[in-house]
Amino acid sequence: QIVESMGPDWYLFLYSGLGMGIRTWDKAAEIVDMHPLQARSPGTGASPPQYAENALYARKWMVKLLLKFVVGEDMVFGAQSTTDKKSKALLREEFRSLVNSFLKKEAI
């Protein structure tokens, strides 16, 4: 209901926002890995978020959503998800991002 009422432009905007969030979390995880935290005293109790875990969890959801897009089971576009110009651009960008991320992580 909610998805159908928001329209395709907002729907694609949310998809692309999730993709940008994943790339941001990946970059943050790289920065944290390059500069490990010093040992903290037990009283502080504060630790930074686990950016790599956030990116992995979001990527898991992105893959599920993209697979629905590809097979035509998407809630907004349905069978037209692979023929619509905007959705094709989103699919291309997000698949490229996923493959690049995989190749980068496998090269390490």
N, C-alpha and C. Protein backbone atom coordinates (compact mmCIF):
# COMPACT_ATOMS: atom_id res chain seq x y z
N GLN A 1 0.82 -1.18 0.00
CA GLN A 1 0.00 0.00 0.00
C GLN A 1 0.87 1.25 0.00
N ILE A 2 1.78 1.31 0.94
CA ILE A 2 2.63 2.50 1.06
C ILE A 2 3.52 2.65 -0.15
N VAL A 3 4.09 1.53 -0.59
CA VAL A 3 5.00 1.56 -1.74
C VAL A 3 4.26 2.03 -2.98
N GLU A 4 3.07 1.53 -3.19
CA GLU A 4 2.30 1.91 -4.37
C GLU A 4 1.90 3.38 -4.33
N SER A 5 1.65 3.93 -3.15
CA SER A 5 1.22 5.32 -3.06
C SER A 5 2.38 6.30 -3.20
N MET A 6 3.62 5.85 -2.96
CA MET A 6 4.75 6.78 -3.05
C MET A 6 5.17 7.06 -4.48
N GLY A 7 4.88 6.18 -5.40
CA GLY A 7 5.22 6.40 -6.79
C GLY A 7 6.63 5.93 -7.13
N PRO A 8 6.87 5.74 -8.43
CA PRO A 8 8.15 5.17 -8.86
C PRO A 8 9.37 6.07 -8.61
N ASP A 9 9.21 7.39 -8.67
CA ASP A 9 10.37 8.27 -8.47
C ASP A 9 10.90 8.18 -7.05
N TRP A 10 10.00 8.23 -6.07
CA TRP A 10 10.44 8.11 -4.67
C TRP A 10 10.99 6.71 -4.39
N TYR A 11 10.39 5.73 -5.00
CA TYR A 11 10.82 4.34 -4.82
C TYR A 11 12.27 4.18 -5.31
N LEU A 12 12.56 4.69 -6.49
CA LEU A 12 13.92 4.62 -7.03
C LEU A 12 14.89 5.48 -6.21
N PHE A 13 14.40 6.59 -5.69
CA PHE A 13 15.21 7.45 -4.83
C PHE A 13 15.65 6.68 -3.58
N LEU A 14 14.74 5.92 -2.99
CA LEU A 14 15.08 5.14 -1.79
C LEU A 14 16.08 4.03 -2.12
N TYR A 15 15.91 3.39 -3.24
CA TYR A 15 16.87 2.38 -3.69
C TYR A 15 18.27 2.99 -3.84
N SER A 16 18.33 4.11 -4.53
CA SER A 16 19.64 4.73 -4.77
C SER A 16 20.23 5.26 -3.46
N GLY A 17 19.38 5.70 -2.53
CA GLY A 17 19.87 6.13 -1.22
C GLY A 17 20.47 4.99 -0.43
N LEU A 18 19.85 3.82 -0.52
CA LEU A 18 20.42 2.64 0.13
C LEU A 18 21.78 2.31 -0.48
N GLY A 19 21.87 2.41 -1.80
CA GLY A 19 23.15 2.15 -2.47
C GLY A 19 24.23 3.12 -2.05
N MET A 20 23.87 4.40 -1.93
CA MET A 20 24.85 5.40 -1.47
C MET A 20 25.25 5.15 -0.02
N GLY A 21 24.29 4.73 0.80
CA GLY A 21 24.59 4.41 2.19
C GLY A 21 25.57 3.25 2.29
N ILE A 22 25.39 2.25 1.46
CA ILE A 22 26.30 1.10 1.45
C ILE A 22 27.71 1.55 1.10
N ARG A 23 27.83 2.36 0.07
CA ARG A 23 29.16 2.84 -0.34
C ARG A 23 29.80 3.71 0.76
N THR A 24 28.99 4.51 1.45
CA THR A 24 29.50 5.33 2.55
C THR A 24 29.98 4.46 3.70
N TRP A 25 29.19 3.44 4.06
CA TRP A 25 29.60 2.54 5.14
C TRP A 25 30.86 1.77 4.77
N ASP A 26 30.99 1.38 3.50
CA ASP A 26 32.21 0.70 3.06
C ASP A 26 33.42 1.61 3.24
N LYS A 27 33.28 2.86 2.84
CA LYS A 27 34.38 3.81 2.97
C LYS A 27 34.72 4.04 4.45
N ALA A 28 33.71 4.17 5.28
CA ALA A 28 33.95 4.36 6.72
C ALA A 28 34.66 3.14 7.31
N ALA A 29 34.27 1.94 6.87
CA ALA A 29 34.93 0.73 7.36
C ALA A 29 36.40 0.70 6.94
N GLU A 30 36.69 1.16 5.72
CA GLU A 30 38.08 1.23 5.27
C GLU A 30 38.89 2.18 6.13
N ILE A 31 38.31 3.34 6.47
CA ILE A 31 39.01 4.33 7.29
C ILE A 31 39.27 3.77 8.68
N VAL A 32 38.27 3.13 9.27
CA VAL A 32 38.44 2.56 10.60
C VAL A 32 39.50 1.46 10.57
N ASP A 33 39.53 0.66 9.50
CA ASP A 33 40.54 -0.39 9.38
C ASP A 33 41.94 0.18 9.23
N MET A 34 42.07 1.32 8.57
CA MET A 34 43.39 1.94 8.38
C MET A 34 43.91 2.56 9.66
N HIS A 35 43.01 2.98 10.53
CA HIS A 35 43.39 3.65 11.79
C HIS A 35 42.75 2.93 12.96
N PRO A 36 43.31 1.81 13.37
CA PRO A 36 42.69 1.06 14.48
C PRO A 36 42.64 1.89 15.76
N LEU A 37 41.60 1.67 16.53
CA LEU A 37 41.41 2.41 17.77
C LEU A 37 42.41 1.94 18.81
N GLN A 38 42.82 2.86 19.65
CA GLN A 38 43.69 2.51 20.77
C GLN A 38 42.87 1.73 21.80
N ALA A 39 43.56 0.97 22.62
CA ALA A 39 42.87 0.23 23.67
C ALA A 39 42.16 1.21 24.58
N ARG A 40 40.90 0.96 24.83
CA ARG A 40 40.10 1.86 25.66
C ARG A 40 40.10 1.35 27.09
N SER A 41 39.93 2.29 27.99
CA SER A 41 39.80 1.87 29.38
C SER A 41 38.41 1.27 29.56
N PRO A 42 38.26 0.33 30.46
CA PRO A 42 36.97 -0.35 30.63
C PRO A 42 35.82 0.59 31.00
N GLY A 43 36.11 1.75 31.56
CA GLY A 43 35.06 2.65 32.00
C GLY A 43 34.38 3.42 30.89
N THR A 44 35.01 3.55 29.71
CA THR A 44 34.41 4.37 28.65
C THR A 44 33.18 3.70 28.05
N GLY A 45 33.27 2.43 27.73
CA GLY A 45 32.13 1.70 27.22
C GLY A 45 31.64 2.12 25.85
N ALA A 46 32.18 3.17 25.27
CA ALA A 46 31.73 3.63 23.96
C ALA A 46 32.61 3.02 22.88
N SER A 47 31.98 2.58 21.83
CA SER A 47 32.73 2.08 20.69
C SER A 47 32.03 2.56 19.41
N PRO A 48 32.79 2.73 18.35
CA PRO A 48 32.17 3.21 17.11
C PRO A 48 31.28 2.14 16.49
N PRO A 49 30.38 2.54 15.61
CA PRO A 49 29.53 1.54 14.95
C PRO A 49 30.37 0.61 14.08
N GLN A 50 29.87 -0.56 13.85
CA GLN A 50 30.54 -1.52 13.00
C GLN A 50 30.11 -1.26 11.55
N TYR A 51 30.84 -0.39 10.87
CA TYR A 51 30.46 0.02 9.52
C TYR A 51 30.45 -1.15 8.54
N ALA A 52 31.41 -2.06 8.68
CA ALA A 52 31.45 -3.20 7.76
C ALA A 52 30.21 -4.08 7.94
N GLU A 53 29.76 -4.26 9.16
CA GLU A 53 28.55 -5.06 9.41
C GLU A 53 27.32 -4.36 8.82
N ASN A 54 27.25 -3.04 9.00
CA ASN A 54 26.12 -2.29 8.43
C ASN A 54 26.09 -2.43 6.91
N ALA A 55 27.25 -2.30 6.28
CA ALA A 55 27.33 -2.41 4.83
C ALA A 55 26.93 -3.81 4.37
N LEU A 56 27.40 -4.82 5.08
CA LEU A 56 27.07 -6.20 4.72
C LEU A 56 25.57 -6.45 4.84
N TYR A 57 24.97 -6.01 5.93
CA TYR A 57 23.54 -6.19 6.14
C TYR A 57 22.73 -5.45 5.06
N ALA A 58 23.11 -4.21 4.78
CA ALA A 58 22.39 -3.43 3.76
C ALA A 58 22.59 -4.05 2.38
N ARG A 59 23.78 -4.55 2.10
CA ARG A 59 24.04 -5.17 0.80
C ARG A 59 23.20 -6.44 0.65
N LYS A 60 23.00 -7.17 1.74
CA LYS A 60 22.16 -8.36 1.71
C LYS A 60 20.74 -7.99 1.28
N TRP A 61 20.22 -6.90 1.85
CA TRP A 61 18.88 -6.44 1.48
C TRP A 61 18.85 -5.91 0.05
N MET A 62 19.90 -5.22 -0.35
CA MET A 62 19.96 -4.69 -1.71
C MET A 62 19.93 -5.82 -2.73
N VAL A 63 20.65 -6.89 -2.46
CA VAL A 63 20.66 -8.02 -3.39
C VAL A 63 19.26 -8.63 -3.48
N LYS A 64 18.59 -8.79 -2.36
CA LYS A 64 17.22 -9.33 -2.39
C LYS A 64 16.30 -8.43 -3.23
N LEU A 65 16.41 -7.12 -3.01
CA LEU A 65 15.56 -6.18 -3.76
C LEU A 65 15.89 -6.18 -5.25
N LEU A 66 17.17 -6.22 -5.58
CA LEU A 66 17.57 -6.23 -6.98
C LEU A 66 17.15 -7.51 -7.69
N LEU A 67 17.22 -8.63 -6.99
CA LEU A 67 16.76 -9.89 -7.59
C LEU A 67 15.27 -9.83 -7.91
N LYS A 68 14.49 -9.23 -7.02
CA LYS A 68 13.06 -9.05 -7.30
C LYS A 68 12.87 -8.15 -8.53
N PHE A 69 13.70 -7.13 -8.62
CA PHE A 69 13.65 -6.23 -9.77
C PHE A 69 13.90 -7.00 -11.07
N VAL A 70 14.94 -7.82 -11.06
CA VAL A 70 15.37 -8.52 -12.27
C VAL A 70 14.34 -9.55 -12.74
N VAL A 71 13.74 -10.28 -11.82
CA VAL A 71 12.78 -11.30 -12.22
C VAL A 71 11.37 -10.75 -12.45
N GLY A 72 11.19 -9.45 -12.26
CA GLY A 72 9.89 -8.84 -12.54
C GLY A 72 8.88 -8.95 -11.42
N GLU A 73 9.35 -9.19 -10.19
CA GLU A 73 8.44 -9.28 -9.05
C GLU A 73 8.44 -8.01 -8.22
N ASP A 74 8.94 -6.93 -8.77
CA ASP A 74 9.01 -5.67 -8.04
C ASP A 74 7.61 -5.13 -7.80
N MET A 75 7.40 -4.47 -6.64
CA MET A 75 6.07 -4.00 -6.26
C MET A 75 5.58 -2.83 -7.11
N VAL A 76 6.48 -1.98 -7.55
CA VAL A 76 6.07 -0.80 -8.30
C VAL A 76 6.13 -1.04 -9.80
N PHE A 77 7.25 -1.58 -10.28
CA PHE A 77 7.45 -1.71 -11.72
C PHE A 77 6.96 -3.05 -12.28
N GLY A 78 6.90 -4.08 -11.45
CA GLY A 78 6.45 -5.39 -11.91
C GLY A 78 7.31 -5.89 -13.05
N ALA A 79 6.66 -6.39 -14.09
CA ALA A 79 7.38 -6.96 -15.24
C ALA A 79 8.14 -5.90 -16.03
N GLN A 80 7.82 -4.64 -15.85
CA GLN A 80 8.49 -3.57 -16.60
C GLN A 80 9.77 -3.09 -15.92
N SER A 81 10.18 -3.76 -14.85
CA SER A 81 11.34 -3.29 -14.09
C SER A 81 12.63 -3.32 -14.90
N THR A 82 12.72 -4.21 -15.89
CA THR A 82 13.95 -4.26 -16.69
C THR A 82 13.83 -3.48 -17.99
N THR A 83 12.67 -2.93 -18.28
CA THR A 83 12.52 -2.15 -19.51
C THR A 83 12.37 -0.66 -19.24
N ASP A 84 11.97 -0.28 -18.05
CA ASP A 84 11.85 1.13 -17.70
C ASP A 84 13.23 1.78 -17.67
N LYS A 85 13.35 2.96 -18.26
CA LYS A 85 14.65 3.63 -18.39
C LYS A 85 15.30 3.94 -17.03
N LYS A 86 14.52 4.49 -16.10
CA LYS A 86 15.05 4.85 -14.79
C LYS A 86 15.46 3.61 -13.99
N SER A 87 14.62 2.59 -14.03
CA SER A 87 14.95 1.39 -13.25
C SER A 87 16.14 0.65 -13.85
N LYS A 88 16.28 0.69 -15.18
CA LYS A 88 17.46 0.06 -15.80
C LYS A 88 18.74 0.76 -15.36
N ALA A 89 18.69 2.08 -15.28
CA ALA A 89 19.87 2.84 -14.84
C ALA A 89 20.22 2.48 -13.40
N LEU A 90 19.20 2.36 -12.55
CA LEU A 90 19.44 1.98 -11.16
C LEU A 90 20.03 0.58 -11.08
N LEU A 91 19.46 -0.36 -11.82
CA LEU A 91 19.99 -1.73 -11.81
C LEU A 91 21.44 -1.76 -12.25
N ARG A 92 21.75 -1.05 -13.32
CA ARG A 92 23.12 -1.02 -13.84
C ARG A 92 24.07 -0.45 -12.79
N GLU A 93 23.70 0.65 -12.17
CA GLU A 93 24.57 1.30 -11.19
C GLU A 93 24.80 0.42 -9.96
N GLU A 94 23.73 -0.17 -9.45
CA GLU A 94 23.86 -0.97 -8.23
C GLU A 94 24.57 -2.29 -8.47
N PHE A 95 24.32 -2.94 -9.61
CA PHE A 95 25.06 -4.16 -9.91
C PHE A 95 26.54 -3.86 -10.11
N ARG A 96 26.84 -2.77 -10.77
CA ARG A 96 28.24 -2.36 -10.95
C ARG A 96 28.90 -2.13 -9.58
N SER A 97 28.19 -1.48 -8.70
CA SER A 97 28.72 -1.22 -7.37
C SER A 97 28.96 -2.52 -6.60
N LEU A 98 28.01 -3.46 -6.68
CA LEU A 98 28.17 -4.74 -6.00
C LEU A 98 29.37 -5.52 -6.53
N VAL A 99 29.51 -5.56 -7.85
CA VAL A 99 30.63 -6.31 -8.45
C VAL A 99 31.95 -5.64 -8.11
N ASN A 100 32.02 -4.32 -8.19
CA ASN A 100 33.25 -3.62 -7.85
C ASN A 100 33.64 -3.85 -6.39
N SER A 101 32.66 -3.81 -5.50
CA SER A 101 32.93 -4.05 -4.09
C SER A 101 33.44 -5.47 -3.87
N PHE A 102 32.82 -6.44 -4.52
CA PHE A 102 33.25 -7.82 -4.40
C PHE A 102 34.69 -7.99 -4.89
N LEU A 103 34.98 -7.44 -6.07
CA LEU A 103 36.32 -7.56 -6.62
C LEU A 103 37.36 -6.89 -5.74
N LYS A 104 37.01 -5.75 -5.17
CA LYS A 104 37.92 -5.02 -4.29
C LYS A 104 38.21 -5.84 -3.03
N LYS A 105 37.17 -6.43 -2.46
CA LYS A 105 37.34 -7.21 -1.23
C LYS A 105 38.11 -8.52 -1.50
N GLU A 106 37.92 -9.11 -2.67
CA GLU A 106 38.62 -10.34 -3.00
C GLU A 106 40.09 -10.09 -3.32
N ALA A 107 40.42 -8.88 -3.72
CA ALA A 107 41.82 -8.55 -4.06
C ALA A 107 42.66 -8.38 -2.81
N ILE A 108 42.04 -8.19 -1.67
CA ILE A 108 42.79 -7.95 -0.42
C ILE A 108 43.42 -9.22 0.08
